[in-house]
PDB file of N, CA and C in Angstrom:
ATOM      1  N   MET A   1      15.352  19.782 -29.048  1.00  0.00           N
ATOM      2  CA  MET A   1      14.482  18.545 -27.784  1.00  0.00           C
ATOM      3  C   MET A   1      13.201  18.945 -28.010  1.00  0.00           C
ATOM      4  N   GLY A   2      12.249  17.800 -28.165  1.00  0.00           N
ATOM      5  CA  GLY A   2      11.183  18.013 -28.328  1.00  0.00           C
ATOM      6  C   GLY A   2      10.033  18.197 -27.323  1.00  0.00           C
ATOM      7  N   PHE A   3       9.113  17.855 -27.479  1.00  0.00           N
ATOM      8  CA  PHE A   3       7.832  17.961 -26.761  1.00  0.00           C
ATOM      9  C   PHE A   3       7.980  16.586 -25.802  1.00  0.00           C
ATOM     10  N   TYR A   4       8.198  15.854 -26.370  1.00  0.00           N
ATOM     11  CA  TYR A   4       7.977  14.528 -25.594  1.00  0.00           C
ATOM     12  C   TYR A   4       9.029  14.069 -24.820  1.00  0.00           C
ATOM     13  N   PHE A   5      10.395  15.008 -25.128  1.00  0.00           N
ATOM     14  CA  PHE A   5      11.441  14.430 -23.759  1.00  0.00           C
ATOM     15  C   PHE A   5      10.967  15.162 -22.676  1.00  0.00           C
ATOM     16  N   TYR A   6      11.017  16.694 -22.835  1.00  0.00           N
ATOM     17  CA  TYR A   6      10.205  17.108 -21.923  1.00  0.00           C
ATOM     18  C   TYR A   6       9.012  16.735 -20.802  1.00  0.00           C
ATOM     19  N   LEU A   7       7.835  16.314 -21.642  1.00  0.00           N
ATOM     20  CA  LEU A   7       6.992  15.591 -21.438  1.00  0.00           C
ATOM     21  C   LEU A   7       7.511  14.451 -20.233  1.00  0.00           C
ATOM     22  N   THR A   8       8.672  13.340 -20.394  1.00  0.00           N
ATOM     23  CA  THR A   8       9.048  12.545 -20.340  1.00  0.00           C
ATOM     24  C   THR A   8       9.920  12.787 -18.904  1.00  0.00           C
ATOM     25  N   ILE A   9      10.492  13.936 -18.740  1.00  0.00           N
ATOM     26  CA  ILE A   9      11.208  14.128 -17.483  1.00  0.00           C
ATOM     27  C   ILE A   9      10.401  15.169 -16.650  1.00  0.00           C
ATOM     28  N   ILE A  10       9.352  15.272 -17.329  1.00  0.00           N
ATOM     29  CA  ILE A  10       8.045  16.237 -15.845  1.00  0.00           C
ATOM     30  C   ILE A  10       7.571  14.593 -15.410  1.00  0.00           C
ATOM     31  N   ILE A  11       7.358  14.071 -16.100  1.00  0.00           N
ATOM     32  CA  ILE A  11       6.680  12.268 -15.541  1.00  0.00           C
ATOM     33  C   ILE A  11       7.628  12.124 -14.632  1.00  0.00           C
ATOM     34  N   GLY A  12       8.967  11.454 -14.987  1.00  0.00           N
ATOM     35  CA  GLY A  12       9.932  10.796 -14.432  1.00  0.00           C
ATOM     36  C   GLY A  12       9.937  11.546 -13.097  1.00  0.00           C
ATOM     37  N   VAL A  13      10.437  12.874 -13.068  1.00  0.00           N
ATOM     38  CA  VAL A  13      10.242  13.904 -11.903  1.00  0.00           C
ATOM     39  C   VAL A  13       9.145  13.274 -10.905  1.00  0.00           C
ATOM     40  N   SER A  14       7.996  13.703 -11.371  1.00  0.00           N
ATOM     41  CA  SER A  14       6.856  13.169 -10.908  1.00  0.00           C
ATOM     42  C   SER A  14       6.731  12.290  -9.944  1.00  0.00           C
ATOM     43  N   LEU A  15       6.929  10.926 -10.816  1.00  0.00           N
ATOM     44  CA  LEU A  15       6.857   9.893 -10.507  1.00  0.00           C
ATOM     45  C   LEU A  15       8.193   9.614  -9.151  1.00  0.00           C
ATOM     46  N   ILE A  16       9.187  10.013  -9.233  1.00  0.00           N
ATOM     47  CA  ILE A  16      10.315  10.027  -8.473  1.00  0.00           C
ATOM     48  C   ILE A  16       9.811  10.285  -6.959  1.00  0.00           C
ATOM     49  N   TYR A  17       8.926  11.797  -6.662  1.00  0.00           N
ATOM     50  CA  TYR A  17       8.385  12.357  -6.198  1.00  0.00           C
ATOM     51  C   TYR A  17       7.377  11.873  -5.218  1.00  0.00           C
ATOM     52  N   TYR A  18       6.255  11.423  -5.857  1.00  0.00           N
ATOM     53  CA  TYR A  18       5.271  10.550  -5.725  1.00  0.00           C
ATOM     54  C   TYR A  18       5.725   9.697  -4.872  1.00  0.00           C
ATOM     55  N   GLY A  19       7.118   8.500  -5.156  1.00  0.00           N
ATOM     56  CA  GLY A  19       7.227   7.941  -4.549  1.00  0.00           C
ATOM     57  C   GLY A  19       8.503   8.374  -3.125  1.00  0.00           C
ATOM     58  N   TYR A  20       8.897   9.117  -3.354  1.00  0.00           N
ATOM     59  CA  TYR A  20       9.413  10.065  -2.257  1.00  0.00           C
ATOM     60  C   TYR A  20       8.182   9.943  -0.644  1.00  0.00           C
ATOM     61  N   VAL A  21       7.260  10.676  -1.174  1.00  0.00           N
ATOM     62  CA  VAL A  21       6.058  11.112  -0.645  1.00  0.00           C
ATOM     63  C   VAL A  21       5.321   9.923  -0.055  1.00  0.00           C
ATOM     64  N   LYS A  22       5.446   8.630  -0.842  1.00  0.00           N
ATOM     65  CA  LYS A  22       4.954   7.927  -0.246  1.00  0.00           C
ATOM     66  C   LYS A  22       5.715   6.685   1.077  1.00  0.00           C
ATOM     67  N   LYS A  23       6.576   6.958   1.015  1.00  0.00           N
ATOM     68  CA  LYS A  23       7.872   6.473   1.715  1.00  0.00           C
ATOM     69  C   LYS A  23       8.275   7.355   2.999  1.00  0.00           C
ATOM     70  N   LYS A  24       7.705   7.928   3.211  1.00  0.00           N
ATOM     71  CA  LYS A  24       7.428   9.361   4.235  1.00  0.00           C
ATOM     72  C   LYS A  24       6.448   8.769   4.680  1.00  0.00           C
ATOM     73  N   ASP A  25       5.325   8.860   4.023  1.00  0.00           N
ATOM     74  CA  ASP A  25       3.928   8.195   4.693  1.00  0.00           C
ATOM     75  C   ASP A  25       4.052   6.997   5.658  1.00  0.00           C
ATOM     76  N   ASN A  26       4.315   6.296   5.082  1.00  0.00           N
ATOM     77  CA  ASN A  26       5.148   4.584   5.291  1.00  0.00           C
ATOM     78  C   ASN A  26       5.487   4.916   6.431  1.00  0.00           C
ATOM     79  N   GLU A  27       6.654   5.694   6.761  1.00  0.00           N
ATOM     80  CA  GLU A  27       7.522   5.293   7.789  1.00  0.00           C
ATOM     81  C   GLU A  27       7.050   6.320   8.790  1.00  0.00           C
ATOM     82  N   LEU A  28       5.482   7.245   8.806  1.00  0.00           N
ATOM     83  CA  LEU A  28       5.321   7.678   9.509  1.00  0.00           C
ATOM     84  C   LEU A  28       4.404   6.830  10.253  1.00  0.00           C
ATOM     85  N   LYS A  29       3.716   6.086   9.245  1.00  0.00           N
ATOM     86  CA  LYS A  29       2.484   5.363   9.908  1.00  0.00           C
ATOM     87  C   LYS A  29       2.981   4.111  10.520  1.00  0.00           C
ATOM     88  N   MET A  30       4.459   3.890  10.505  1.00  0.00           N
ATOM     89  CA  MET A  30       5.407   2.939  11.250  1.00  0.00           C
ATOM     90  C   MET A  30       5.871   3.221  12.762  1.00  0.00           C
ATOM     91  N   LYS A  31       6.133   4.173  12.518  1.00  0.00           N
ATOM     92  CA  LYS A  31       6.662   5.279  14.145  1.00  0.00           C
ATOM     93  C   LYS A  31       5.341   5.482  14.549  1.00  0.00           C
ATOM     94  N   GLU A  32       3.791   5.745  14.518  1.00  0.00           N
ATOM     95  CA  GLU A  32       2.895   5.764  14.746  1.00  0.00           C
ATOM     96  C   GLU A  32       2.502   4.458  15.522  1.00  0.00           C
ATOM     97  N   ILE A  33       2.657   3.597  14.473  1.00  0.00           N
ATOM     98  CA  ILE A  33       2.239   2.351  15.576  1.00  0.00           C
ATOM     99  C   ILE A  33       3.334   1.570  16.316  1.00  0.00           C
ATOM    100  N   GLU A  34       4.178   2.283  16.271  1.00  0.00           N
ATOM    101  CA  GLU A  34       5.465   1.732  17.128  1.00  0.00           C
ATOM    102  C   GLU A  34       4.825   2.486  18.472  1.00  0.00           C
ATOM    103  N   LEU A  35       4.300   3.773  18.269  1.00  0.00           N
ATOM    104  CA  LEU A  35       4.399   4.306  19.899  1.00  0.00           C
ATOM    105  C   LEU A  35       2.794   3.876  20.278  1.00  0.00           C
ATOM    106  N   GLU A  36       2.009   3.695  19.394  1.00  0.00           N
ATOM    107  CA  GLU A  36       0.675   2.310  20.230  1.00  0.00           C
ATOM    108  C   GLU A  36       1.239   1.360  20.436  1.00  0.00           C
ATOM    109  N   GLU A  37       2.375   0.564  20.405  1.00  0.00           N
ATOM    110  CA  GLU A  37       3.009  -0.496  20.929  1.00  0.00           C
ATOM    111  C   GLU A  37       3.402  -0.248  21.926  1.00  0.00           C
ATOM    112  N   LYS A  38       4.088   1.116  22.509  1.00  0.00           N
ATOM    113  CA  LYS A  38       4.884   1.309  23.377  1.00  0.00           C
ATOM    114  C   LYS A  38       3.801   1.714  24.590  1.00  0.00           C
ATOM    115  N   LYS A  39       2.942   2.289  24.066  1.00  0.00           N
ATOM    116  CA  LYS A  39       1.762   2.657  24.984  1.00  0.00           C
ATOM    117  C   LYS A  39       1.137   1.693  25.671  1.00  0.00           C
ATOM    118  N   LEU A  40       1.064   0.650  24.965  1.00  0.00           N
ATOM    119  CA  LEU A  40       0.062  -0.592  25.247  1.00  0.00           C
ATOM    120  C   LEU A  40       1.105  -1.362  26.164  1.00  0.00           C
ATOM    121  N   GLU A  41       2.284  -1.536  25.938  1.00  0.00           N
ATOM    122  CA  GLU A  41       3.398  -2.140  26.984  1.00  0.00           C
ATOM    123  C   GLU A  41       3.722  -1.503  28.304  1.00  0.00           C
ATOM    124  N   LEU A  42       3.660  -0.321  28.446  1.00  0.00           N
ATOM    125  CA  LEU A  42       3.681   0.354  29.145  1.00  0.00           C
ATOM    126  C   LEU A  42       2.494   0.317  30.194  1.00  0.00           C
ATOM    127  N   GLU A  43       0.913   0.238  29.805  1.00  0.00           N
ATOM    128  CA  GLU A  43      -0.419   0.049  29.951  1.00  0.00           C
ATOM    129  C   GLU A  43      -0.177  -1.829  30.713  1.00  0.00           C
ATOM    130  N   ILE A  44       0.388  -2.713  29.916  1.00  0.00           N
ATOM    131  CA  ILE A  44       0.525  -3.831  30.438  1.00  0.00           C
ATOM    132  C   ILE A  44       0.812  -3.575  31.765  1.00  0.00           C
ATOM    133  N   LYS A  45       2.373  -2.924  31.817  1.00  0.00           N
ATOM    134  CA  LYS A  45       3.241  -3.327  32.711  1.00  0.00           C
ATOM    135  C   LYS A  45       2.936  -2.459  34.161  1.00  0.00           C
ATOM    136  N   LYS A  46       1.869  -1.092  33.703  1.00  0.00           N
ATOM    137  CA  LYS A  46       1.567  -0.983  35.102  1.00  0.00           C
ATOM    138  C   LYS A  46       0.076  -1.804  35.527  1.00  0.00           C
ATOM    139  N   LEU A  47      -0.747  -2.593  34.737  1.00  0.00           N
ATOM    140  CA  LEU A  47      -1.531  -3.259  35.297  1.00  0.00           C
ATOM    141  C   LEU A  47      -0.603  -4.490  36.285  1.00  0.00           C
ATOM    142  N   ASP A  48       0.293  -4.966  35.299  1.00  0.00           N
ATOM    143  CA  ASP A  48       0.510  -6.123  36.010  1.00  0.00           C
ATOM    144  C   ASP A  48       1.609  -5.608  37.538  1.00  0.00           C
ATOM    145  N   GLN A  49       1.925  -4.565  37.588  1.00  0.00           N
ATOM    146  CA  GLN A  49       2.215  -3.600  38.789  1.00  0.00           C
ATOM    147  C   GLN A  49       1.405  -3.431  39.502  1.00  0.00           C
ATOM    148  N   ASP A  50       0.118  -3.168  39.400  1.00  0.00           N
ATOM    149  CA  ASP A  50      -1.648  -2.802  40.214  1.00  0.00           C
ATOM    150  C   ASP A  50      -1.761  -4.549  40.806  1.00  0.00           C
ATOM    151  N   LYS A  51      -1.228  -5.663  39.780  1.00  0.00           N
ATOM    152  CA  LYS A  51      -1.730  -7.079  40.516  1.00  0.00           C
ATOM    153  C   LYS A  51      -0.907  -7.468  41.011  1.00  0.00           C
ATOM    154  N   THR A  52       0.486  -7.084  41.501  1.00  0.00           N
ATOM    155  CA  THR A  52       1.661  -7.753  42.327  1.00  0.00           C
ATOM    156  C   THR A  52       1.116  -6.844  43.361  1.00  0.00           C
ATOM    157  N   ASN A  53       1.017  -5.271  43.613  1.00  0.00           N
ATOM    158  CA  ASN A  53       0.662  -4.330  44.684  1.00  0.00           C
ATOM    159  C   ASN A  53      -0.351  -5.208  45.486  1.00  0.00           C
ATOM    160  N   ARG A  54      -1.515  -5.427  44.755  1.00  0.00           N
ATOM    161  CA  ARG A  54      -3.128  -6.119  45.471  1.00  0.00           C
ATOM    162  C   ARG A  54      -2.607  -7.419  46.025  1.00  0.00           C
ATOM    163  N   ILE A  55      -1.697  -8.367  45.247  1.00  0.00           N
ATOM    164  CA  ILE A  55      -1.378  -9.429  46.387  1.00  0.00           C
ATOM    165  C   ILE A  55      -0.545  -9.395  47.398  1.00  0.00           C
ATOM    166  N   LEU A  56       0.450  -8.615  47.518  1.00  0.00           N
ATOM    167  CA  LEU A  56       0.917  -7.910  48.592  1.00  0.00           C
ATOM    168  C   LEU A  56      -0.257  -7.123  49.901  1.00  0.00           C
TER     169      LEU A  56
END
């Protein structure tokens, strides 16, 4: 087996690993965005509840 064969294998494994790491980073960012969205929804509900309590 030649040098180029091993080089090709190393580059292929590196690209697969790089894709895996990027996928995990993107999933983490999506979960952070979902968490922020839920926090905002909770804050809006609290404000709506305060508003209805003031009216009553």
